[in-house]
Amino acid sequence: MVRPRKCRMIWQMPYVTYFKPRGIPMRGLEEVNLNCEEMEAIRLKDVEGLSQEEAAGRMNISQPTFYRILLSARKKVADALVNGKAIEIKGGNFVMGQYRHRGGRI
């Protein structure tokens, strides 16, 4: 029997959900789909500079799971940059984190 998937938590929805190379019409582009958990992993690790352990804790997942999500996200972004593909950010299996009234995170 497969172990149930742990709930992945994200704290910020992306403001922009689509990126494309300039000068190439949409009809001529391939797309890479990045889910919201992958975007959150990149944000926590590469933008906020958290350690993998800290970022995994914020997402309510184990460090090895965080690493797999981050690796997948970086591979997709690299593919899009190197091969001139569009990136669409959507979907995934997550819940939005909420701040406690005292200002801390759950």
N, C-alpha and C. Protein backbone atom coordinates (compact mmCIF):
# COMPACT_ATOMS: atom_id res chain seq x y z
N MET A 1 0.83 -1.18 0.00
CA MET A 1 0.00 0.00 0.00
C MET A 1 0.88 1.25 0.00
N VAL A 2 0.52 2.21 -0.79
CA VAL A 2 1.30 3.44 -0.91
C VAL A 2 1.03 4.36 0.28
N ARG A 3 2.09 4.95 0.79
CA ARG A 3 1.96 5.88 1.90
C ARG A 3 1.26 7.15 1.44
N PRO A 4 0.32 7.69 2.22
CA PRO A 4 -0.37 8.91 1.81
C PRO A 4 0.60 10.08 1.72
N ARG A 5 0.37 10.94 0.75
CA ARG A 5 1.23 12.08 0.52
C ARG A 5 1.03 13.14 1.60
N LYS A 6 2.14 13.64 2.14
CA LYS A 6 2.08 14.67 3.17
C LYS A 6 1.66 16.00 2.52
N CYS A 7 0.86 16.76 3.22
CA CYS A 7 0.37 18.02 2.69
C CYS A 7 1.53 19.01 2.52
N ARG A 8 1.70 19.53 1.34
CA ARG A 8 2.75 20.50 1.06
C ARG A 8 2.19 21.91 1.23
N MET A 9 2.94 22.73 1.91
CA MET A 9 2.45 24.06 2.24
C MET A 9 3.25 25.11 1.47
N ILE A 10 2.55 26.05 0.87
CA ILE A 10 3.23 27.18 0.26
C ILE A 10 2.73 28.45 0.94
N TRP A 11 3.58 29.46 0.95
CA TRP A 11 3.28 30.69 1.67
C TRP A 11 2.98 31.85 0.74
N GLN A 12 3.31 31.73 -0.53
CA GLN A 12 3.11 32.84 -1.45
C GLN A 12 2.79 32.31 -2.84
N MET A 13 1.65 32.71 -3.36
CA MET A 13 1.30 32.36 -4.74
C MET A 13 2.13 33.26 -5.65
N PRO A 14 2.57 32.74 -6.79
CA PRO A 14 3.35 33.59 -7.70
C PRO A 14 2.49 34.72 -8.26
N TYR A 15 3.09 35.91 -8.36
CA TYR A 15 2.38 37.06 -8.91
C TYR A 15 2.27 36.94 -10.43
N VAL A 16 3.30 36.40 -11.03
CA VAL A 16 3.32 36.20 -12.48
C VAL A 16 3.33 34.70 -12.71
N THR A 17 2.48 34.22 -13.62
CA THR A 17 2.37 32.78 -13.81
C THR A 17 2.80 32.32 -15.20
N TYR A 18 3.34 33.23 -15.99
CA TYR A 18 3.76 32.84 -17.34
C TYR A 18 4.96 33.67 -17.76
N PHE A 19 5.99 33.01 -18.25
CA PHE A 19 7.18 33.67 -18.80
C PHE A 19 7.44 33.10 -20.17
N LYS A 20 7.85 33.97 -21.10
CA LYS A 20 8.18 33.48 -22.43
C LYS A 20 9.35 34.26 -22.99
N PRO A 21 10.09 33.63 -23.89
CA PRO A 21 11.18 34.35 -24.54
C PRO A 21 10.63 35.50 -25.39
N ARG A 22 11.32 36.62 -25.36
CA ARG A 22 10.90 37.77 -26.14
C ARG A 22 11.15 37.54 -27.62
N GLY A 23 10.21 37.99 -28.43
CA GLY A 23 10.39 37.94 -29.87
C GLY A 23 9.97 36.64 -30.54
N ILE A 24 9.48 35.71 -29.79
CA ILE A 24 9.02 34.45 -30.37
C ILE A 24 7.51 34.36 -30.17
N PRO A 25 6.75 34.20 -31.25
CA PRO A 25 5.29 34.12 -31.10
C PRO A 25 4.88 32.91 -30.25
N MET A 26 3.78 33.06 -29.53
CA MET A 26 3.29 31.99 -28.67
C MET A 26 3.06 30.68 -29.43
N ARG A 27 2.57 30.77 -30.64
CA ARG A 27 2.25 29.54 -31.38
C ARG A 27 3.50 28.73 -31.72
N GLY A 28 4.67 29.37 -31.66
CA GLY A 28 5.90 28.65 -31.97
C GLY A 28 6.68 28.19 -30.75
N LEU A 29 6.07 28.29 -29.57
CA LEU A 29 6.79 27.95 -28.34
C LEU A 29 6.34 26.64 -27.72
N GLU A 30 7.31 25.91 -27.21
CA GLU A 30 7.00 24.79 -26.33
C GLU A 30 6.90 25.35 -24.93
N GLU A 31 6.17 24.66 -24.05
CA GLU A 31 6.00 25.10 -22.68
C GLU A 31 6.59 24.10 -21.70
N VAL A 32 7.07 24.63 -20.59
CA VAL A 32 7.48 23.84 -19.44
C VAL A 32 6.50 24.20 -18.34
N ASN A 33 5.92 23.21 -17.69
CA ASN A 33 4.96 23.46 -16.60
C ASN A 33 5.65 23.28 -15.26
N LEU A 34 5.65 24.36 -14.48
CA LEU A 34 6.22 24.38 -13.15
C LEU A 34 5.05 24.45 -12.17
N ASN A 35 4.95 23.50 -11.24
CA ASN A 35 3.83 23.58 -10.32
C ASN A 35 4.16 24.52 -9.16
N CYS A 36 3.16 24.85 -8.38
CA CYS A 36 3.32 25.85 -7.31
C CYS A 36 4.30 25.40 -6.23
N GLU A 37 4.38 24.10 -5.94
CA GLU A 37 5.35 23.63 -4.95
C GLU A 37 6.78 23.83 -5.45
N GLU A 38 7.00 23.59 -6.74
CA GLU A 38 8.33 23.79 -7.30
C GLU A 38 8.71 25.27 -7.26
N MET A 39 7.76 26.13 -7.56
CA MET A 39 8.02 27.57 -7.50
C MET A 39 8.34 28.00 -6.07
N GLU A 40 7.60 27.46 -5.10
CA GLU A 40 7.84 27.79 -3.69
C GLU A 40 9.22 27.30 -3.25
N ALA A 41 9.64 26.13 -3.70
CA ALA A 41 10.96 25.61 -3.35
C ALA A 41 12.05 26.53 -3.88
N ILE A 42 11.92 26.99 -5.12
CA ILE A 42 12.90 27.93 -5.68
C ILE A 42 12.89 29.23 -4.88
N ARG A 43 11.71 29.72 -4.54
CA ARG A 43 11.62 30.98 -3.79
C ARG A 43 12.30 30.86 -2.43
N LEU A 44 12.01 29.79 -1.70
CA LEU A 44 12.57 29.63 -0.36
C LEU A 44 14.08 29.43 -0.39
N LYS A 45 14.57 28.58 -1.28
CA LYS A 45 16.00 28.25 -1.31
C LYS A 45 16.82 29.32 -2.02
N ASP A 46 16.41 29.71 -3.22
CA ASP A 46 17.25 30.58 -4.04
C ASP A 46 17.00 32.07 -3.83
N VAL A 47 15.78 32.45 -3.48
CA VAL A 47 15.49 33.87 -3.28
C VAL A 47 15.66 34.25 -1.81
N GLU A 48 15.05 33.48 -0.90
CA GLU A 48 15.17 33.79 0.52
C GLU A 48 16.48 33.29 1.13
N GLY A 49 17.13 32.33 0.46
CA GLY A 49 18.41 31.83 0.94
C GLY A 49 18.33 30.91 2.15
N LEU A 50 17.20 30.25 2.34
CA LEU A 50 17.05 29.33 3.46
C LEU A 50 17.83 28.04 3.19
N SER A 51 18.19 27.36 4.27
CA SER A 51 18.79 26.03 4.10
C SER A 51 17.68 25.08 3.66
N GLN A 52 18.08 23.92 3.16
CA GLN A 52 17.07 22.94 2.74
C GLN A 52 16.22 22.49 3.92
N GLU A 53 16.83 22.36 5.09
CA GLU A 53 16.08 21.94 6.27
C GLU A 53 15.04 22.98 6.66
N GLU A 54 15.43 24.26 6.66
CA GLU A 54 14.49 25.33 7.00
C GLU A 54 13.35 25.41 5.99
N ALA A 55 13.71 25.34 4.71
CA ALA A 55 12.70 25.43 3.65
C ALA A 55 11.75 24.24 3.71
N ALA A 56 12.29 23.05 3.96
CA ALA A 56 11.44 21.87 4.08
C ALA A 56 10.47 22.02 5.24
N GLY A 57 10.95 22.56 6.35
CA GLY A 57 10.09 22.79 7.50
C GLY A 57 8.96 23.75 7.18
N ARG A 58 9.26 24.80 6.44
CA ARG A 58 8.22 25.76 6.05
C ARG A 58 7.18 25.13 5.14
N MET A 59 7.62 24.18 4.30
CA MET A 59 6.69 23.53 3.38
C MET A 59 6.02 22.30 3.99
N ASN A 60 6.39 21.96 5.23
CA ASN A 60 5.80 20.83 5.94
C ASN A 60 6.11 19.49 5.26
N ILE A 61 7.33 19.36 4.76
CA ILE A 61 7.78 18.13 4.10
C ILE A 61 9.17 17.77 4.60
N SER A 62 9.63 16.58 4.27
CA SER A 62 10.97 16.16 4.68
C SER A 62 12.02 16.84 3.80
N GLN A 63 13.25 16.86 4.30
CA GLN A 63 14.34 17.47 3.54
C GLN A 63 14.59 16.72 2.23
N PRO A 64 14.59 15.37 2.20
CA PRO A 64 14.77 14.68 0.91
C PRO A 64 13.66 15.00 -0.10
N THR A 65 12.42 15.13 0.37
CA THR A 65 11.32 15.50 -0.53
C THR A 65 11.53 16.90 -1.06
N PHE A 66 11.94 17.82 -0.18
CA PHE A 66 12.23 19.19 -0.62
C PHE A 66 13.30 19.18 -1.70
N TYR A 67 14.36 18.41 -1.47
CA TYR A 67 15.45 18.33 -2.44
C TYR A 67 14.96 17.83 -3.80
N ARG A 68 14.10 16.81 -3.81
CA ARG A 68 13.57 16.30 -5.07
C ARG A 68 12.72 17.35 -5.79
N ILE A 69 11.90 18.08 -5.03
CA ILE A 69 11.07 19.14 -5.63
C ILE A 69 11.96 20.24 -6.21
N LEU A 70 12.97 20.66 -5.45
CA LEU A 70 13.88 21.70 -5.91
C LEU A 70 14.65 21.27 -7.15
N LEU A 71 15.13 20.04 -7.16
CA LEU A 71 15.87 19.52 -8.31
C LEU A 71 14.99 19.51 -9.56
N SER A 72 13.75 19.07 -9.41
CA SER A 72 12.81 19.05 -10.53
C SER A 72 12.55 20.47 -11.05
N ALA A 73 12.36 21.41 -10.12
CA ALA A 73 12.10 22.80 -10.51
C ALA A 73 13.28 23.40 -11.26
N ARG A 74 14.48 23.20 -10.74
CA ARG A 74 15.68 23.76 -11.39
C ARG A 74 15.90 23.15 -12.77
N LYS A 75 15.62 21.86 -12.90
CA LYS A 75 15.77 21.20 -14.20
C LYS A 75 14.81 21.80 -15.23
N LYS A 76 13.57 22.02 -14.81
CA LYS A 76 12.58 22.60 -15.72
C LYS A 76 12.94 24.02 -16.13
N VAL A 77 13.38 24.83 -15.16
CA VAL A 77 13.77 26.21 -15.47
C VAL A 77 14.99 26.22 -16.40
N ALA A 78 15.96 25.38 -16.13
CA ALA A 78 17.14 25.30 -16.99
C ALA A 78 16.77 24.89 -18.41
N ASP A 79 15.88 23.91 -18.55
CA ASP A 79 15.41 23.47 -19.87
C ASP A 79 14.77 24.63 -20.62
N ALA A 80 13.93 25.39 -19.92
CA ALA A 80 13.26 26.51 -20.57
C ALA A 80 14.26 27.58 -21.00
N LEU A 81 15.23 27.90 -20.14
CA LEU A 81 16.20 28.94 -20.48
C LEU A 81 17.12 28.52 -21.62
N VAL A 82 17.63 27.31 -21.55
CA VAL A 82 18.58 26.83 -22.55
C VAL A 82 17.92 26.58 -23.90
N ASN A 83 16.70 26.05 -23.87
CA ASN A 83 16.04 25.66 -25.11
C ASN A 83 14.96 26.64 -25.58
N GLY A 84 14.87 27.81 -24.96
CA GLY A 84 13.94 28.84 -25.40
C GLY A 84 12.48 28.45 -25.28
N LYS A 85 12.10 27.86 -24.16
CA LYS A 85 10.71 27.45 -23.93
C LYS A 85 10.03 28.43 -22.97
N ALA A 86 8.71 28.47 -23.05
CA ALA A 86 7.93 29.27 -22.11
C ALA A 86 7.79 28.49 -20.80
N ILE A 87 7.59 29.22 -19.70
CA ILE A 87 7.36 28.60 -18.40
C ILE A 87 5.99 29.01 -17.92
N GLU A 88 5.14 28.01 -17.63
CA GLU A 88 3.83 28.27 -17.06
C GLU A 88 3.81 27.72 -15.64
N ILE A 89 3.36 28.54 -14.69
CA ILE A 89 3.31 28.14 -13.29
C ILE A 89 1.86 27.93 -12.91
N LYS A 90 1.51 26.67 -12.61
CA LYS A 90 0.13 26.39 -12.23
C LYS A 90 0.04 25.01 -11.60
N GLY A 91 -1.01 24.82 -10.83
CA GLY A 91 -1.34 23.52 -10.30
C GLY A 91 -0.45 23.04 -9.17
N GLY A 92 -0.63 21.80 -8.83
CA GLY A 92 0.13 21.18 -7.77
C GLY A 92 -0.77 20.65 -6.67
N ASN A 93 -0.15 20.08 -5.66
CA ASN A 93 -0.86 19.49 -4.53
C ASN A 93 -0.39 20.20 -3.27
N PHE A 94 -1.11 21.26 -2.86
CA PHE A 94 -0.63 22.08 -1.75
C PHE A 94 -1.79 22.76 -1.04
N VAL A 95 -1.47 23.34 0.10
CA VAL A 95 -2.38 24.23 0.81
C VAL A 95 -1.62 25.51 1.08
N MET A 96 -2.36 26.59 1.23
CA MET A 96 -1.73 27.87 1.55
C MET A 96 -1.48 27.94 3.04
N GLY A 97 -0.25 28.35 3.42
CA GLY A 97 0.08 28.56 4.81
C GLY A 97 -0.62 29.82 5.31
N GLN A 98 -0.87 29.87 6.61
CA GLN A 98 -1.52 31.02 7.20
C GLN A 98 -0.70 31.50 8.39
N TYR A 99 -0.68 32.78 8.56
CA TYR A 99 0.04 33.36 9.69
C TYR A 99 -0.81 33.27 10.95
N ARG A 100 -0.16 33.02 12.06
CA ARG A 100 -0.85 33.07 13.34
C ARG A 100 -1.12 34.53 13.67
N HIS A 101 -2.04 34.74 14.55
CA HIS A 101 -2.38 36.11 14.93
C HIS A 101 -1.23 36.83 15.60
N ARG A 102 -0.33 36.11 16.24
CA ARG A 102 0.81 36.73 16.92
C ARG A 102 1.94 37.06 15.97
N GLY A 103 1.79 36.78 14.69
CA GLY A 103 2.82 37.12 13.71
C GLY A 103 3.72 35.99 13.30
N GLY A 104 3.67 34.85 13.98
CA GLY A 104 4.49 33.71 13.60
C GLY A 104 3.80 32.83 12.59
N ARG A 105 4.56 31.93 12.02
CA ARG A 105 3.97 30.99 11.07
C ARG A 105 3.64 29.70 11.78
N ILE A 106 2.63 29.02 11.26
CA ILE A 106 2.21 27.74 11.82
C ILE A 106 3.28 26.70 11.55
